[in-house]
Amino acid sequence: MKNLIEIRWHGRGGQGAKTASLLLADAAFNTGKYIQGFPEYGPERMGAPITAYNRISDNPITVHSNIYEPDYVVVVDDTLLETVDVTSGLKQDGAIIINTTKSADYLRKTLKNYSGNIYTIDARKISIDALGKYFPNTPMLAAIVKVSGIMSDEDLLEDMKSSFKHKFAKKPEVIDGNMKALELALKEVKKI
């Protein structure tokens, strides 16, 4: 399928990976793309590993399955690196984005056979600085947009401001913090 980008998210229940994948789908849709955003359900519970997916394209999407060969992988919790094969099927010309402060040497060793691009971001620090609490999904959303180029930074920020106003209508005090988290993440994601 032409212009199709496939993304797989790895996180733990309660960290917002599913929510981030759905927010990305909404934002891409609002820029005129065709989208899919869906979780893989199993016996999830708070803290258990979860997987979510996105497909984003300029053309209608006709495939309806899990994603086995993603262009990008987003790892919301770096403790999964040693227990889940996060690079399974990841295209060598794609990229993995990891919420971590671990060294480049540790990451290369842990991701054994993956020779593609590796990006890191400290979503914990960003979310605590911006929100006062640890919510890694907002910085990870910005990181995947920055790395993949699905949309411009400006389009993401504009769409998310509108989305947050709706989502947090009863808690407007968290909108500015979430916007700050997005802005910081767009600047702080780094290629190793």
Protein backbone atom coordinates (compact mmCIF):
# COMPACT_ATOMS: atom_id res chain seq x y z
CA MET A 1 0.00 0.00 0.00
CA LYS A 2 1.46 3.35 -1.06
CA ASN A 3 2.36 5.89 1.63
CA LEU A 4 1.39 3.55 4.46
CA ILE A 5 3.09 4.03 7.84
CA GLU A 6 2.62 1.32 10.45
CA ILE A 7 3.43 1.89 14.13
CA ARG A 8 3.44 -0.52 17.05
CA TRP A 9 3.29 0.75 20.63
CA HIS A 10 4.60 -1.20 23.64
CA GLY A 11 3.73 -0.08 27.14
CA ARG A 12 2.20 -1.20 30.37
CA GLY A 13 -1.44 -0.95 31.35
CA GLY A 14 -2.12 2.49 32.81
CA GLN A 15 0.73 4.31 31.03
CA GLY A 16 -1.43 5.60 28.19
CA ALA A 17 0.03 3.79 25.17
CA LYS A 18 -3.48 2.96 23.93
CA THR A 19 -4.62 6.55 24.49
CA ALA A 20 -1.55 7.93 22.70
CA SER A 21 -2.17 5.66 19.69
CA LEU A 22 -5.76 6.88 19.50
CA LEU A 23 -4.72 10.54 19.86
CA LEU A 24 -2.19 10.05 17.05
CA ALA A 25 -4.90 8.52 14.86
CA ASP A 26 -7.23 11.47 15.53
CA ALA A 27 -4.51 14.03 14.83
CA ALA A 28 -3.49 12.32 11.58
CA PHE A 29 -7.15 12.09 10.53
CA ASN A 30 -7.53 15.81 11.14
CA THR A 31 -4.65 16.48 8.72
CA GLY A 32 -6.46 14.56 5.97
CA LYS A 33 -4.92 11.12 6.39
CA TYR A 34 -6.63 7.76 6.46
CA ILE A 35 -6.06 6.14 9.82
CA GLN A 36 -6.41 3.14 12.09
CA GLY A 37 -5.65 3.16 15.80
CA PHE A 38 -6.38 0.10 17.89
CA PRO A 39 -5.14 -1.87 20.89
CA GLU A 40 -4.48 -5.58 21.08
CA TYR A 41 -6.60 -6.85 23.91
CA GLY A 42 -5.70 -9.70 26.20
CA PRO A 43 -5.71 -10.12 29.95
CA GLU A 44 -4.48 -6.54 30.49
CA ARG A 45 -4.34 -5.12 33.95
CA MET A 46 -2.55 -2.17 35.50
CA GLY A 47 1.17 -2.70 34.89
CA ALA A 48 0.84 -5.64 32.48
CA PRO A 49 2.46 -5.34 29.01
CA ILE A 50 0.07 -4.02 26.32
CA THR A 51 0.36 -3.40 22.59
CA ALA A 52 -1.40 -0.79 20.46
CA TYR A 53 -1.16 -0.02 16.76
CA ASN A 54 -1.52 2.75 14.16
CA ARG A 55 -1.78 2.71 10.41
CA ILE A 56 -1.61 6.08 8.68
CA SER A 57 -1.86 6.60 4.93
CA ASP A 58 -2.66 9.09 2.20
CA ASN A 59 -4.88 6.40 0.65
CA PRO A 60 -7.76 4.30 2.00
CA ILE A 61 -6.52 1.47 4.24
CA THR A 62 -7.92 -1.92 3.32
CA VAL A 63 -5.94 -4.18 5.64
CA HIS A 64 -7.46 -4.99 9.03
CA SER A 65 -5.01 -7.01 11.12
CA ASN A 66 -2.35 -6.55 13.75
CA ILE A 67 0.90 -5.03 12.55
CA TYR A 68 3.70 -7.55 12.17
CA GLU A 69 6.30 -5.49 10.28
CA PRO A 70 6.05 -1.94 11.62
CA ASP A 71 7.92 1.05 10.27
CA TYR A 72 8.19 2.45 13.81
CA VAL A 73 8.02 1.04 17.32
CA VAL A 74 7.32 3.19 20.37
CA VAL A 75 8.43 1.79 23.73
CA VAL A 76 6.70 3.67 26.55
CA ASP A 77 8.38 1.64 29.33
CA ASP A 78 12.03 0.61 28.97
CA THR A 79 11.60 -2.29 31.42
CA LEU A 80 9.91 -4.08 28.52
CA LEU A 81 13.17 -4.18 26.56
CA GLU A 82 14.35 -7.26 28.42
CA THR A 83 11.01 -9.11 28.48
CA VAL A 84 9.29 -8.31 25.17
CA ASP A 85 10.82 -8.60 21.70
CA VAL A 86 10.04 -4.99 20.85
CA THR A 87 12.00 -5.10 17.57
CA SER A 88 10.16 -8.16 16.24
CA GLY A 89 9.42 -7.46 12.57
CA LEU A 90 10.66 -3.85 12.82
CA LYS A 91 11.90 -2.72 9.43
CA GLN A 92 15.64 -1.99 9.32
CA ASP A 93 14.92 1.32 7.59
CA GLY A 94 12.42 2.23 10.31
CA ALA A 95 13.09 3.39 13.85
CA ILE A 96 12.44 2.59 17.48
CA ILE A 97 11.68 5.37 19.98
CA ILE A 98 12.29 4.47 23.62
CA ASN A 99 11.34 6.28 26.82
CA THR A 100 14.63 5.78 28.65
CA THR A 101 17.69 7.28 30.29
CA LYS A 102 19.76 4.13 29.68
CA SER A 103 23.03 4.39 27.74
CA ALA A 104 23.38 3.90 24.01
CA ASP A 105 25.64 0.89 24.66
CA TYR A 106 23.01 -0.76 26.88
CA LEU A 107 20.29 -0.15 24.28
CA ARG A 108 22.34 -1.53 21.38
CA LYS A 109 23.23 -4.61 23.42
CA THR A 110 19.64 -5.18 24.56
CA LEU A 111 18.18 -4.68 21.06
CA LYS A 112 20.61 -7.36 19.79
CA ASN A 113 19.91 -7.76 16.10
CA TYR A 114 18.35 -4.39 15.37
CA SER A 115 20.62 -2.17 13.28
CA GLY A 116 18.08 0.53 12.38
CA ASN A 117 17.66 3.95 13.92
CA ILE A 118 17.22 4.22 17.69
CA TYR A 119 15.79 7.35 19.31
CA THR A 120 15.47 8.10 23.01
CA ILE A 121 13.52 10.52 25.12
CA ASP A 122 13.20 10.97 28.87
CA ALA A 123 9.40 11.09 29.00
CA ARG A 124 9.46 10.77 32.80
CA LYS A 125 11.44 13.98 33.25
CA ILE A 126 9.40 15.84 30.65
CA SER A 127 6.04 14.82 32.10
CA ILE A 128 7.08 15.55 35.69
CA ASP A 129 8.50 18.95 34.66
CA ALA A 130 5.43 19.84 32.59
CA LEU A 131 2.62 18.10 34.50
CA GLY A 132 3.96 17.44 37.96
CA LYS A 133 3.16 13.72 37.53
CA TYR A 134 4.39 10.82 35.44
CA PHE A 135 2.26 10.49 32.31
CA PRO A 136 4.63 9.27 29.57
CA ASN A 137 2.08 9.05 26.76
CA THR A 138 2.00 12.76 25.88
CA PRO A 139 5.78 13.07 25.37
CA MET A 140 5.85 9.75 23.47
CA LEU A 141 3.10 11.00 21.15
CA ALA A 142 5.21 14.03 20.26
CA ALA A 143 8.32 11.87 19.86
CA ILE A 144 6.72 9.55 17.28
CA VAL A 145 5.42 12.53 15.30
CA LYS A 146 8.88 14.15 15.32
CA VAL A 147 10.71 10.96 14.28
CA SER A 148 8.19 9.77 11.67
CA GLY A 149 7.27 13.12 10.12
CA ILE A 150 3.61 12.02 9.93
CA MET A 151 2.67 15.66 10.33
CA SER A 152 4.41 18.92 11.11
CA ASP A 153 5.13 19.92 14.70
CA GLU A 154 2.76 22.87 14.23
CA ASP A 155 -0.10 20.67 12.99
CA LEU A 156 0.37 18.35 15.98
CA LEU A 157 0.36 21.21 18.49
CA GLU A 158 -2.66 22.87 16.92
CA ASP A 159 -4.65 19.65 16.79
CA MET A 160 -3.70 18.56 20.30
CA LYS A 161 -4.65 21.92 21.80
CA SER A 162 -8.15 21.45 20.39
CA SER A 163 -8.22 17.78 21.42
CA PHE A 164 -7.08 18.56 24.97
CA LYS A 165 -9.73 21.29 25.32
CA HIS A 166 -12.36 18.67 24.56
CA LYS A 167 -10.76 15.79 26.49
CA PHE A 168 -10.03 17.88 29.58
CA ALA A 169 -13.14 20.09 29.52
CA LYS A 170 -13.72 19.34 33.20
CA LYS A 171 -10.02 19.68 34.09
CA PRO A 172 -8.82 22.70 32.03
CA GLU A 173 -5.90 23.21 34.43
CA VAL A 174 -4.06 20.24 32.83
CA ILE A 175 -4.20 21.56 29.26
CA ASP A 176 -1.20 23.89 29.53
CA GLY A 177 0.93 21.17 31.14
CA ASN A 178 0.10 18.69 28.39
CA MET A 179 0.90 21.28 25.73
CA LYS A 180 4.22 22.03 27.44
CA ALA A 181 5.00 18.28 27.54
CA LEU A 182 4.40 18.06 23.78
CA GLU A 183 6.59 21.09 23.06
CA LEU A 184 9.45 19.82 25.25
CA ALA A 185 9.29 16.33 23.72
CA LEU A 186 9.45 17.69 20.18
CA LYS A 187 12.77 19.34 21.13
CA GLU A 188 14.25 16.61 23.31
CA VAL A 189 13.87 13.37 21.31
CA LYS A 190 17.40 12.31 20.28
CA LYS A 191 18.89 9.84 17.84
CA ILE A 192 21.66 7.64 19.27
